[in-house]
Amino acid sequence: MIRILFFISAICLTACSFSNKKKEQAVNYYNLQKYFSEEATRLNKTKPNINKTVKHNNASETQFIKIDDWAQELALFIESDINKAAWKNSYQKDSTSTKITYTAKEENLRTRRIIILLKRNKLSKISITNQTKNNLYHTKEELIYIPDSLYQIEKYQDVKVLGINNYEVKGVFN
């Protein structure tokens, strides 16, 4: 019985190790999903005060709040991660010691551009451009994140049946 349990444990550990190595190998570009997941965890712990403004077309509302779920608040940033196995060679990388830029090589990719600014080898700003265009709708998102300072989401949406809508969410850390 002990041999069977040992054998099953060994198989499980080997499978887990193989799975983790596979995930590590899949990271070809800056890992936005990991970065923003870690930021969400950190911000959930520190609970900063946020001056949040939400705009829809010409209507605007501002409140001082504490965000309860930063993973949800930063979801569009997390969803912009370009580390998918199918996209291994789909982005052009251009980098210097202070800037990394990823630009989509293919028109059908939602995340069109990511610009990461570095200061003393630490991330100081991320800008992301997402776009989807087809016969029914056109959306464009401009996302900006400056750690412990600001996050901003600007979204343009043109849906054939519904018309044009502009959205903006801006959170300023206090």
N, C-alpha and C. Protein backbone atom coordinates (compact mmCIF):
# COMPACT_ATOMS: atom_id res chain seq x y z
N MET A 1 0.82 -1.19 0.00
CA MET A 1 0.00 0.00 0.00
C MET A 1 0.87 1.26 0.00
N ILE A 2 1.91 1.26 0.80
CA ILE A 2 2.81 2.41 0.87
C ILE A 2 3.49 2.62 -0.47
N ARG A 3 3.87 1.53 -1.14
CA ARG A 3 4.51 1.64 -2.45
C ARG A 3 3.58 2.29 -3.47
N ILE A 4 2.31 1.94 -3.41
CA ILE A 4 1.33 2.52 -4.34
C ILE A 4 1.20 4.01 -4.09
N LEU A 5 1.07 4.41 -2.82
CA LEU A 5 0.98 5.84 -2.49
C LEU A 5 2.23 6.59 -2.92
N PHE A 6 3.41 5.98 -2.69
CA PHE A 6 4.67 6.60 -3.10
C PHE A 6 4.71 6.77 -4.61
N PHE A 7 4.31 5.74 -5.34
CA PHE A 7 4.30 5.78 -6.79
C PHE A 7 3.37 6.88 -7.31
N ILE A 8 2.16 6.96 -6.75
CA ILE A 8 1.18 7.99 -7.16
C ILE A 8 1.72 9.38 -6.85
N SER A 9 2.33 9.55 -5.68
CA SER A 9 2.91 10.84 -5.29
C SER A 9 4.01 11.25 -6.26
N ALA A 10 4.87 10.29 -6.61
CA ALA A 10 5.97 10.57 -7.54
C ALA A 10 5.44 11.01 -8.90
N ILE A 11 4.40 10.35 -9.39
CA ILE A 11 3.80 10.72 -10.67
C ILE A 11 3.21 12.13 -10.59
N CYS A 12 2.50 12.42 -9.51
CA CYS A 12 1.90 13.75 -9.35
C CYS A 12 2.96 14.84 -9.31
N LEU A 13 4.04 14.61 -8.55
CA LEU A 13 5.10 15.60 -8.46
C LEU A 13 5.79 15.81 -9.80
N THR A 14 6.02 14.74 -10.54
CA THR A 14 6.62 14.84 -11.86
C THR A 14 5.71 15.62 -12.80
N ALA A 15 4.43 15.34 -12.76
CA ALA A 15 3.47 16.05 -13.62
C ALA A 15 3.43 17.52 -13.28
N CYS A 16 3.45 17.86 -11.99
CA CYS A 16 3.44 19.27 -11.57
C CYS A 16 4.70 19.98 -12.04
N SER A 17 5.85 19.32 -11.89
CA SER A 17 7.11 19.93 -12.32
C SER A 17 7.11 20.17 -13.81
N PHE A 18 6.64 19.20 -14.57
CA PHE A 18 6.58 19.34 -16.03
C PHE A 18 5.64 20.48 -16.41
N SER A 19 4.50 20.55 -15.74
CA SER A 19 3.52 21.61 -16.02
C SER A 19 4.11 22.98 -15.74
N ASN A 20 4.82 23.16 -14.63
CA ASN A 20 5.43 24.44 -14.30
C ASN A 20 6.52 24.82 -15.29
N LYS A 21 7.32 23.84 -15.72
CA LYS A 21 8.37 24.13 -16.71
C LYS A 21 7.74 24.58 -18.02
N LYS A 22 6.65 23.95 -18.40
CA LYS A 22 5.94 24.34 -19.62
C LYS A 22 5.46 25.78 -19.53
N LYS A 23 4.90 26.17 -18.39
CA LYS A 23 4.41 27.53 -18.20
C LYS A 23 5.55 28.52 -18.27
N GLU A 24 6.70 28.20 -17.64
CA GLU A 24 7.85 29.10 -17.66
C GLU A 24 8.36 29.29 -19.09
N GLN A 25 8.37 28.23 -19.88
CA GLN A 25 8.86 28.31 -21.24
C GLN A 25 7.93 29.13 -22.14
N ALA A 26 6.66 29.24 -21.77
CA ALA A 26 5.70 29.94 -22.60
C ALA A 26 5.84 31.46 -22.52
N VAL A 27 6.64 31.96 -21.58
CA VAL A 27 6.78 33.41 -21.42
C VAL A 27 7.83 33.92 -22.42
N ASN A 28 7.33 34.54 -23.49
CA ASN A 28 8.21 35.09 -24.52
C ASN A 28 8.35 36.60 -24.40
N TYR A 29 7.37 37.21 -23.79
CA TYR A 29 7.32 38.66 -23.68
C TYR A 29 7.19 39.04 -22.20
N TYR A 30 7.19 40.31 -21.91
CA TYR A 30 7.00 40.75 -20.52
C TYR A 30 5.68 40.17 -20.01
N ASN A 31 5.70 39.59 -18.84
CA ASN A 31 4.54 38.87 -18.32
C ASN A 31 3.57 39.82 -17.61
N LEU A 32 2.67 40.43 -18.37
CA LEU A 32 1.69 41.36 -17.81
C LEU A 32 0.75 40.68 -16.84
N GLN A 33 0.35 39.46 -17.15
CA GLN A 33 -0.58 38.74 -16.27
C GLN A 33 0.04 38.57 -14.89
N LYS A 34 1.28 38.16 -14.83
CA LYS A 34 1.97 37.98 -13.55
C LYS A 34 2.14 39.33 -12.85
N TYR A 35 2.59 40.34 -13.59
CA TYR A 35 2.82 41.65 -12.99
C TYR A 35 1.54 42.20 -12.36
N PHE A 36 0.45 42.22 -13.12
CA PHE A 36 -0.79 42.81 -12.61
C PHE A 36 -1.46 41.93 -11.55
N SER A 37 -1.27 40.63 -11.61
CA SER A 37 -1.78 39.77 -10.54
C SER A 37 -1.05 40.06 -9.23
N GLU A 38 0.28 40.25 -9.32
CA GLU A 38 1.05 40.61 -8.13
C GLU A 38 0.67 42.00 -7.63
N GLU A 39 0.44 42.93 -8.54
CA GLU A 39 0.01 44.28 -8.15
C GLU A 39 -1.35 44.22 -7.46
N ALA A 40 -2.26 43.42 -7.99
CA ALA A 40 -3.59 43.30 -7.40
C ALA A 40 -3.48 42.75 -5.97
N THR A 41 -2.65 41.75 -5.78
CA THR A 41 -2.45 41.18 -4.45
C THR A 41 -1.87 42.23 -3.50
N ARG A 42 -0.87 42.95 -3.97
CA ARG A 42 -0.23 43.99 -3.15
C ARG A 42 -1.23 45.09 -2.79
N LEU A 43 -2.00 45.54 -3.76
CA LEU A 43 -2.96 46.62 -3.53
C LEU A 43 -4.13 46.17 -2.66
N ASN A 44 -4.53 44.90 -2.76
CA ASN A 44 -5.57 44.37 -1.88
C ASN A 44 -5.10 44.41 -0.42
N LYS A 45 -3.79 44.24 -0.20
CA LYS A 45 -3.25 44.27 1.16
C LYS A 45 -3.10 45.71 1.67
N THR A 46 -2.60 46.62 0.82
CA THR A 46 -2.33 47.99 1.28
C THR A 46 -3.58 48.87 1.28
N LYS A 47 -4.58 48.52 0.48
CA LYS A 47 -5.86 49.24 0.41
C LYS A 47 -5.70 50.76 0.29
N PRO A 48 -5.07 51.22 -0.79
CA PRO A 48 -4.88 52.68 -0.93
C PRO A 48 -6.20 53.40 -1.20
N ASN A 49 -6.25 54.67 -0.82
CA ASN A 49 -7.39 55.52 -1.16
C ASN A 49 -7.26 55.93 -2.62
N ILE A 50 -8.37 55.89 -3.34
CA ILE A 50 -8.37 56.20 -4.77
C ILE A 50 -9.38 57.30 -5.05
N ASN A 51 -8.96 58.29 -5.80
CA ASN A 51 -9.87 59.29 -6.33
C ASN A 51 -10.26 58.78 -7.72
N LYS A 52 -11.44 58.18 -7.83
CA LYS A 52 -11.85 57.49 -9.06
C LYS A 52 -12.91 58.30 -9.80
N THR A 53 -12.64 58.54 -11.07
CA THR A 53 -13.58 59.23 -11.95
C THR A 53 -14.01 58.27 -13.04
N VAL A 54 -15.31 58.17 -13.23
CA VAL A 54 -15.87 57.33 -14.28
C VAL A 54 -16.68 58.24 -15.21
N LYS A 55 -16.37 58.17 -16.51
CA LYS A 55 -17.08 58.97 -17.50
C LYS A 55 -17.70 58.04 -18.53
N HIS A 56 -18.92 58.38 -18.94
CA HIS A 56 -19.58 57.71 -20.05
C HIS A 56 -20.12 58.81 -20.94
N ASN A 57 -19.56 58.91 -22.14
CA ASN A 57 -19.86 60.02 -23.05
C ASN A 57 -19.66 61.34 -22.31
N ASN A 58 -20.69 62.12 -22.07
CA ASN A 58 -20.50 63.42 -21.40
C ASN A 58 -20.82 63.40 -19.91
N ALA A 59 -21.30 62.28 -19.39
CA ALA A 59 -21.63 62.17 -17.96
C ALA A 59 -20.40 61.71 -17.19
N SER A 60 -20.20 62.33 -16.01
CA SER A 60 -19.02 62.03 -15.22
C SER A 60 -19.37 61.97 -13.73
N GLU A 61 -18.69 61.07 -13.01
CA GLU A 61 -18.87 60.97 -11.57
C GLU A 61 -17.52 60.68 -10.93
N THR A 62 -17.22 61.36 -9.81
CA THR A 62 -15.97 61.18 -9.10
C THR A 62 -16.26 60.83 -7.65
N GLN A 63 -15.50 59.86 -7.12
CA GLN A 63 -15.64 59.46 -5.72
C GLN A 63 -14.27 59.10 -5.14
N PHE A 64 -14.12 59.31 -3.84
CA PHE A 64 -12.96 58.80 -3.11
C PHE A 64 -13.37 57.44 -2.56
N ILE A 65 -12.64 56.41 -2.94
CA ILE A 65 -13.03 55.05 -2.55
C ILE A 65 -11.80 54.19 -2.23
N LYS A 66 -12.08 53.04 -1.66
CA LYS A 66 -11.10 51.97 -1.52
C LYS A 66 -11.61 50.82 -2.40
N ILE A 67 -10.76 50.30 -3.23
CA ILE A 67 -11.12 49.22 -4.13
C ILE A 67 -11.06 47.90 -3.36
N ASP A 68 -12.13 47.12 -3.41
CA ASP A 68 -12.19 45.84 -2.71
C ASP A 68 -11.50 44.72 -3.48
N ASP A 69 -11.56 44.76 -4.81
CA ASP A 69 -11.04 43.67 -5.62
C ASP A 69 -10.18 44.25 -6.75
N TRP A 70 -8.88 44.34 -6.51
CA TRP A 70 -7.98 44.94 -7.50
C TRP A 70 -7.82 44.06 -8.73
N ALA A 71 -7.95 42.76 -8.60
CA ALA A 71 -7.87 41.90 -9.79
C ALA A 71 -8.98 42.24 -10.77
N GLN A 72 -10.16 42.51 -10.24
CA GLN A 72 -11.28 42.92 -11.10
C GLN A 72 -11.04 44.33 -11.65
N GLU A 73 -10.52 45.21 -10.83
CA GLU A 73 -10.27 46.59 -11.26
C GLU A 73 -9.22 46.66 -12.37
N LEU A 74 -8.25 45.76 -12.31
CA LEU A 74 -7.16 45.74 -13.30
C LEU A 74 -7.35 44.64 -14.36
N ALA A 75 -8.56 44.12 -14.47
CA ALA A 75 -8.83 42.99 -15.38
C ALA A 75 -8.44 43.27 -16.83
N LEU A 76 -8.73 44.46 -17.34
CA LEU A 76 -8.37 44.76 -18.73
C LEU A 76 -6.86 44.74 -18.94
N PHE A 77 -6.10 45.13 -17.93
CA PHE A 77 -4.64 45.08 -18.00
C PHE A 77 -4.18 43.62 -18.02
N ILE A 78 -4.75 42.81 -17.13
CA ILE A 78 -4.39 41.40 -17.04
C ILE A 78 -4.74 40.68 -18.34
N GLU A 79 -5.89 40.99 -18.92
CA GLU A 79 -6.35 40.35 -20.16
C GLU A 79 -5.52 40.76 -21.37
N SER A 80 -4.69 41.78 -21.24
CA SER A 80 -3.87 42.25 -22.35
C SER A 80 -2.54 41.51 -22.45
N ASP A 81 -2.34 40.51 -21.61
CA ASP A 81 -1.10 39.73 -21.65
C ASP A 81 -0.97 39.05 -23.01
N ILE A 82 0.23 39.10 -23.57
CA ILE A 82 0.46 38.55 -24.92
C ILE A 82 1.25 37.24 -24.88
N ASN A 83 1.42 36.65 -23.73
CA ASN A 83 2.16 35.40 -23.60
C ASN A 83 1.28 34.19 -23.82
N LYS A 84 0.88 34.00 -25.04
CA LYS A 84 0.15 32.80 -25.45
C LYS A 84 1.06 32.03 -26.42
N ALA A 85 1.04 30.72 -26.32
CA ALA A 85 1.92 29.91 -27.17
C ALA A 85 1.70 30.20 -28.65
N ALA A 86 0.46 30.43 -29.04
CA ALA A 86 0.14 30.70 -30.45
C ALA A 86 0.70 32.04 -30.92
N TRP A 87 1.03 32.93 -29.99
CA TRP A 87 1.52 34.27 -30.35
C TRP A 87 3.03 34.41 -30.17
N LYS A 88 3.72 33.31 -30.10
CA LYS A 88 5.16 33.31 -29.81
C LYS A 88 5.94 34.27 -30.70
N ASN A 89 5.61 34.34 -31.97
CA ASN A 89 6.34 35.21 -32.90
C ASN A 89 5.43 36.29 -33.50
N SER A 90 4.39 36.66 -32.77
CA SER A 90 3.39 37.59 -33.30
C SER A 90 3.64 39.05 -32.96
N TYR A 91 4.66 39.32 -32.13
CA TYR A 91 4.93 40.69 -31.72
C TYR A 91 6.39 41.05 -31.98
N GLN A 92 6.58 42.26 -32.45
CA GLN A 92 7.92 42.80 -32.67
C GLN A 92 8.36 43.48 -31.38
N LYS A 93 9.53 43.12 -30.89
CA LYS A 93 10.05 43.72 -29.66
C LYS A 93 11.14 44.73 -30.02
N ASP A 94 11.04 45.89 -29.41
CA ASP A 94 12.06 46.93 -29.56
C ASP A 94 12.38 47.41 -28.15
N SER A 95 13.63 47.34 -27.75
CA SER A 95 13.93 47.71 -26.37
C SER A 95 15.23 48.48 -26.23
N THR A 96 15.24 49.31 -25.20
CA THR A 96 16.43 50.02 -24.76
C THR A 96 16.53 49.77 -23.25
N SER A 97 17.45 50.42 -22.59
CA SER A 97 17.58 50.23 -21.15
C SER A 97 16.42 50.87 -20.37
N THR A 98 15.66 51.76 -21.02
CA THR A 98 14.58 52.45 -20.32
C THR A 98 13.19 52.23 -20.93
N LYS A 99 13.13 51.46 -22.03
CA LYS A 99 11.84 51.29 -22.70
C LYS A 99 11.78 49.96 -23.45
N ILE A 100 10.65 49.27 -23.30
CA ILE A 100 10.38 48.05 -24.06
C ILE A 100 9.07 48.27 -24.80
N THR A 101 9.07 48.04 -26.09
CA THR A 101 7.86 48.19 -26.89
C THR A 101 7.58 46.88 -27.62
N TYR A 102 6.33 46.43 -27.52
CA TYR A 102 5.86 45.27 -28.28
C TYR A 102 4.79 45.77 -29.23
N THR A 103 4.94 45.46 -30.51
CA THR A 103 3.97 45.87 -31.52
C THR A 103 3.49 44.63 -32.27
N ALA A 104 2.18 44.52 -32.42
CA ALA A 104 1.59 43.37 -33.09
C ALA A 104 2.00 43.35 -34.56
N LYS A 105 2.37 42.18 -35.04
CA LYS A 105 2.72 41.99 -36.45
C LYS A 105 1.50 41.64 -37.29
N GLU A 106 0.44 41.17 -36.63
CA GLU A 106 -0.75 40.70 -37.34
C GLU A 106 -1.95 41.59 -37.00
N GLU A 107 -2.76 41.90 -37.99
CA GLU A 107 -3.91 42.80 -37.83
C GLU A 107 -5.00 42.25 -36.91
N ASN A 108 -5.12 40.94 -36.81
CA ASN A 108 -6.21 40.34 -36.05
C ASN A 108 -5.95 40.25 -34.55
N LEU A 109 -4.77 40.62 -34.10
CA LEU A 109 -4.44 40.56 -32.67
C LEU A 109 -5.08 41.73 -31.92
N ARG A 110 -5.76 41.43 -30.83
CA ARG A 110 -6.46 42.45 -30.04
C ARG A 110 -5.49 43.44 -29.41
N THR A 111 -4.45 42.93 -28.76
CA THR A 111 -3.46 43.83 -28.16
C THR A 111 -2.50 44.28 -29.25
N ARG A 112 -2.58 45.54 -29.58
CA ARG A 112 -1.83 46.09 -30.71
C ARG A 112 -0.43 46.58 -30.31
N ARG A 113 -0.33 47.17 -29.11
CA ARG A 113 0.95 47.72 -28.69
C ARG A 113 1.02 47.77 -27.16
N ILE A 114 2.19 47.48 -26.67
CA ILE A 114 2.49 47.61 -25.23
C ILE A 114 3.79 48.39 -25.13
N ILE A 115 3.78 49.43 -24.32
CA ILE A 115 4.98 50.20 -24.06
C ILE A 115 5.24 50.17 -22.56
N ILE A 116 6.42 49.71 -22.20
CA ILE A 116 6.82 49.60 -20.80
C ILE A 116 8.01 50.52 -20.57
N LEU A 117 7.84 51.48 -19.67
CA LEU A 117 8.93 52.37 -19.32
C LEU A 117 9.58 51.89 -18.03
N LEU A 118 10.90 51.95 -18.01
CA LEU A 118 11.67 51.48 -16.86
C LEU A 118 12.49 52.63 -16.28
N LYS A 119 12.60 52.63 -14.97
CA LYS A 119 13.44 53.60 -14.28
C LYS A 119 14.27 52.80 -13.28
N ARG A 120 15.59 52.82 -13.44
CA ARG A 120 16.50 52.01 -12.61
C ARG A 120 16.09 50.54 -12.63
N ASN A 121 15.82 50.04 -13.82
CA ASN A 121 15.42 48.64 -14.06
C ASN A 121 14.12 48.24 -13.38
N LYS A 122 13.32 49.20 -12.98
CA LYS A 122 12.03 48.92 -12.35
C LYS A 122 10.94 49.56 -13.20
N LEU A 123 9.83 48.84 -13.34
CA LEU A 123 8.72 49.34 -14.15
C LEU A 123 8.19 50.66 -13.59
N SER A 124 8.11 51.68 -14.45
CA SER A 124 7.59 52.97 -14.01
C SER A 124 6.28 53.35 -14.70
N LYS A 125 6.00 52.73 -15.85
CA LYS A 125 4.74 53.03 -16.55
C LYS A 125 4.49 51.96 -17.61
N ILE A 126 3.22 51.59 -17.76
CA ILE A 126 2.80 50.69 -18.84
C ILE A 126 1.68 51.37 -19.61
N SER A 127 1.80 51.37 -20.93
CA SER A 127 0.74 51.84 -21.82
C SER A 127 0.37 50.69 -22.75
N ILE A 128 -0.91 50.44 -22.88
CA ILE A 128 -1.38 49.33 -23.71
C ILE A 128 -2.46 49.84 -24.65
N THR A 129 -2.38 49.44 -25.91
CA THR A 129 -3.42 49.75 -26.88
C THR A 129 -4.03 48.44 -27.35
N ASN A 130 -5.35 48.31 -27.15
CA ASN A 130 -6.10 47.15 -27.62
C ASN A 130 -7.10 47.62 -28.67
N GLN A 131 -7.35 46.78 -29.65
CA GLN A 131 -8.32 47.15 -30.68
C GLN A 131 -8.95 45.90 -31.28
N THR A 132 -10.26 45.97 -31.48
CA THR A 132 -10.98 44.92 -32.17
C THR A 132 -11.86 45.59 -33.22
N LYS A 133 -11.80 45.06 -34.44
CA LYS A 133 -12.57 45.67 -35.52
C LYS A 133 -13.14 44.56 -36.40
N ASN A 134 -14.46 44.61 -36.61
CA ASN A 134 -15.10 43.69 -37.54
C ASN A 134 -16.32 44.38 -38.14
N ASN A 135 -17.17 43.63 -38.83
CA ASN A 135 -18.33 44.23 -39.50
C ASN A 135 -19.39 44.76 -38.54
N LEU A 136 -19.44 44.22 -37.32
CA LEU A 136 -20.47 44.62 -36.37
C LEU A 136 -20.03 45.71 -35.40
N TYR A 137 -18.77 45.73 -35.02
CA TYR A 137 -18.32 46.72 -34.05
C TYR A 137 -16.84 47.04 -34.18
N HIS A 138 -16.48 48.15 -33.56
CA HIS A 138 -15.09 48.59 -33.49
C HIS A 138 -14.87 49.09 -32.07
N THR A 139 -13.89 48.53 -31.38
CA THR A 139 -13.53 49.01 -30.06
C THR A 139 -12.04 49.31 -30.02
N LYS A 140 -11.71 50.33 -29.26
CA LYS A 140 -10.32 50.67 -29.05
C LYS A 140 -10.15 51.05 -27.59
N GLU A 141 -9.14 50.48 -26.95
CA GLU A 141 -8.85 50.76 -25.54
C GLU A 141 -7.43 51.29 -25.41
N GLU A 142 -7.31 52.33 -24.62
CA GLU A 142 -6.00 52.87 -24.25
C GLU A 142 -5.89 52.71 -22.75
N LEU A 143 -4.93 51.91 -22.30
CA LEU A 143 -4.75 51.63 -20.88
C LEU A 143 -3.41 52.20 -20.42
N ILE A 144 -3.42 52.85 -19.28
CA ILE A 144 -2.19 53.39 -18.70
C ILE A 144 -2.14 52.99 -17.24
N TYR A 145 -0.97 52.54 -16.80
CA TYR A 145 -0.78 52.21 -15.39
C TYR A 145 0.56 52.75 -14.95
N ILE A 146 0.53 53.58 -13.90
CA ILE A 146 1.74 54.09 -13.26
C ILE A 146 1.67 53.63 -11.80
N PRO A 147 2.56 52.73 -11.38
CA PRO A 147 2.46 52.16 -10.04
C PRO A 147 2.34 53.22 -8.94
N ASP A 148 1.39 53.00 -8.04
CA ASP A 148 1.14 53.86 -6.88
C ASP A 148 0.86 55.31 -7.24
N SER A 149 0.45 55.55 -8.48
CA SER A 149 0.16 56.91 -8.92
C SER A 149 -1.18 57.01 -9.65
N LEU A 150 -1.34 56.19 -10.72
CA LEU A 150 -2.51 56.35 -11.58
C LEU A 150 -2.77 55.09 -12.39
N TYR A 151 -4.04 54.84 -12.65
CA TYR A 151 -4.42 53.88 -13.69
C TYR A 151 -5.56 54.53 -14.47
N GLN A 152 -5.55 54.30 -15.77
CA GLN A 152 -6.54 54.95 -16.63
C GLN A 152 -6.93 54.01 -17.75
N ILE A 153 -8.23 53.97 -18.02
CA ILE A 153 -8.77 53.17 -19.11
C ILE A 153 -9.65 54.08 -19.95
N GLU A 154 -9.30 54.25 -21.20
CA GLU A 154 -10.13 54.99 -22.14
C GLU A 154 -10.61 54.01 -23.19
N LYS A 155 -11.92 53.96 -23.39
CA LYS A 155 -12.48 53.00 -24.33
C LYS A 155 -13.44 53.70 -25.29
N TYR A 156 -13.21 53.47 -26.57
CA TYR A 156 -14.09 53.94 -27.64
C TYR A 156 -14.79 52.70 -28.18
N GLN A 157 -16.10 52.80 -28.35
CA GLN A 157 -16.86 51.65 -28.83
C GLN A 157 -17.89 52.11 -29.85
N ASP A 158 -17.85 51.52 -31.02
CA ASP A 158 -18.83 51.82 -32.06
C ASP A 158 -19.47 50.49 -32.47
N VAL A 159 -20.72 50.30 -32.02
CA VAL A 159 -21.48 49.10 -32.35
C VAL A 159 -22.56 49.52 -33.34
N LYS A 160 -22.65 48.81 -34.46
CA LYS A 160 -23.58 49.20 -35.53
C LYS A 160 -24.99 49.51 -35.03
N VAL A 161 -25.56 48.67 -34.20
CA VAL A 161 -26.93 48.84 -33.75
C VAL A 161 -27.04 49.89 -32.63
N LEU A 162 -26.03 49.97 -31.78
CA LEU A 162 -26.10 50.84 -30.60
C LEU A 162 -25.46 52.21 -30.77
N GLY A 163 -24.58 52.35 -31.74
CA GLY A 163 -23.92 53.63 -31.96
C GLY A 163 -22.59 53.74 -31.22
N ILE A 164 -22.14 54.99 -31.05
CA ILE A 164 -20.83 55.26 -30.47
C ILE A 164 -20.95 55.57 -28.98
N ASN A 165 -20.04 54.98 -28.20
CA ASN A 165 -19.92 55.26 -26.77
C ASN A 165 -18.46 55.45 -26.42
N ASN A 166 -18.21 56.40 -25.55
CA ASN A 166 -16.87 56.64 -25.02
C ASN A 166 -16.91 56.45 -23.51
N TYR A 167 -15.93 55.72 -23.00
CA TYR A 167 -15.85 55.46 -21.57
C TYR A 167 -14.46 55.86 -21.08
N GLU A 168 -14.38 56.32 -19.86
CA GLU A 168 -13.08 56.58 -19.24
C GLU A 168 -13.18 56.27 -17.75
N VAL A 169 -12.21 55.53 -17.29
CA VAL A 169 -12.07 55.25 -15.85
C VAL A 169 -10.68 55.73 -15.48
N LYS A 170 -10.62 56.61 -14.49
CA LYS A 170 -9.32 57.15 -14.06
C LYS A 170 -9.25 57.06 -12.55
N GLY A 171 -8.23 56.36 -12.07
CA GLY A 171 -8.01 56.23 -10.64
C GLY A 171 -6.70 56.86 -10.26
N VAL A 172 -6.75 57.83 -9.36
CA VAL A 172 -5.55 58.50 -8.88
C VAL A 172 -5.32 58.06 -7.44
N PHE A 173 -4.13 57.54 -7.17
CA PHE A 173 -3.79 57.08 -5.83
C PHE A 173 -3.55 58.29 -4.92
N ASN A 174 -4.08 58.23 -3.68
CA ASN A 174 -3.86 59.30 -2.70
C ASN A 174 -2.93 58.83 -1.61
